Amino acid sequence: MPLIFEELDFRHTPLGEISLRKRSEPRLENKLIYEVKMNEEFLMSSLFVEAELQLSHLGLAALGDKFDDKPLDVIVGGLGLGYTAAAALENSSVATLKVIDVMPPVIEWHEKGLVPLGEELMADSRCELVLGDFFAIASADTQGFGKANQDKKVDAVLLDIDHSPSFLLSPGNASFYSSKGLSSLANKINQGGVFALWSDVKASDDFIQLLESVFADVKSHLVSFANPYTQETSSNYVYTAIVR
């Protein structure tokens, strides 16, 4: 099988240069991998998706039996390669899934089927891809994530945008990780609903205390996965918190 290396898209954006590429990995029997880079930094890879999947699985599981038999309205902050969204849609209780991403190219990759899960997400009538700034919407003085006539609270918010609460893709995101920002978010989630957050590294004790000051039943989940490059186990974190 010939080796593959193809840049599928390259754009200049307000946050920097973003690119999508697919390549075969000769170290892994030519496994086909999709990767996204921002400037010279790797943002995501289809090779490492376990934590993105667990963000949905652990986040929705945190609802427990409080929402049994209730159609769930779910928000995903950050589309990426679509793995968190696809995992949420595996849950038959999910009635609506709104995925918010600030990058037009990322949404277009899915609409055009340039990424593996694009066609799947676009074909699911429950799923809506929304171009917008998640942090601005979450911090707005509204009761929900929709327009004025669709302004209702949701049951779960699953967030995977920044590398961690202290390592941000954009300095403008910092205000969200505050008592005011998190409280604004909590006001958009139904009582007993969940906020779940992906983090590349363990969050600081100060941030955990901040979460606990706004939400209830804050839990840290270590998500481990095999790393074929290092031949060792790598890990990310998922945090879940319940709205009082």
Foldseek 3Di string as FASTA:
>chain_A
DDWDKAWPDWDQDPLAIKTWIWTFDVLVVGDIKIWMDGHNHTDDIPVDCQLLLVLQVVQVCLLPCVQPPAQFEEEEEDCALNNNVVSNVVDVSHQAYEYEDQDPVRLVCLVVVVHPCSVVQVPDPRYDYHHDDPQCQLLDPAQANDPPVVGAAGQEYRYDAQQALVGGSDPVSVVLLALNNVLSNLSRHDASGKYKYKHQDDDDPVSVVSLVVFFPDKDKDWGWDADSVVRDIGTIIMIMTGRD
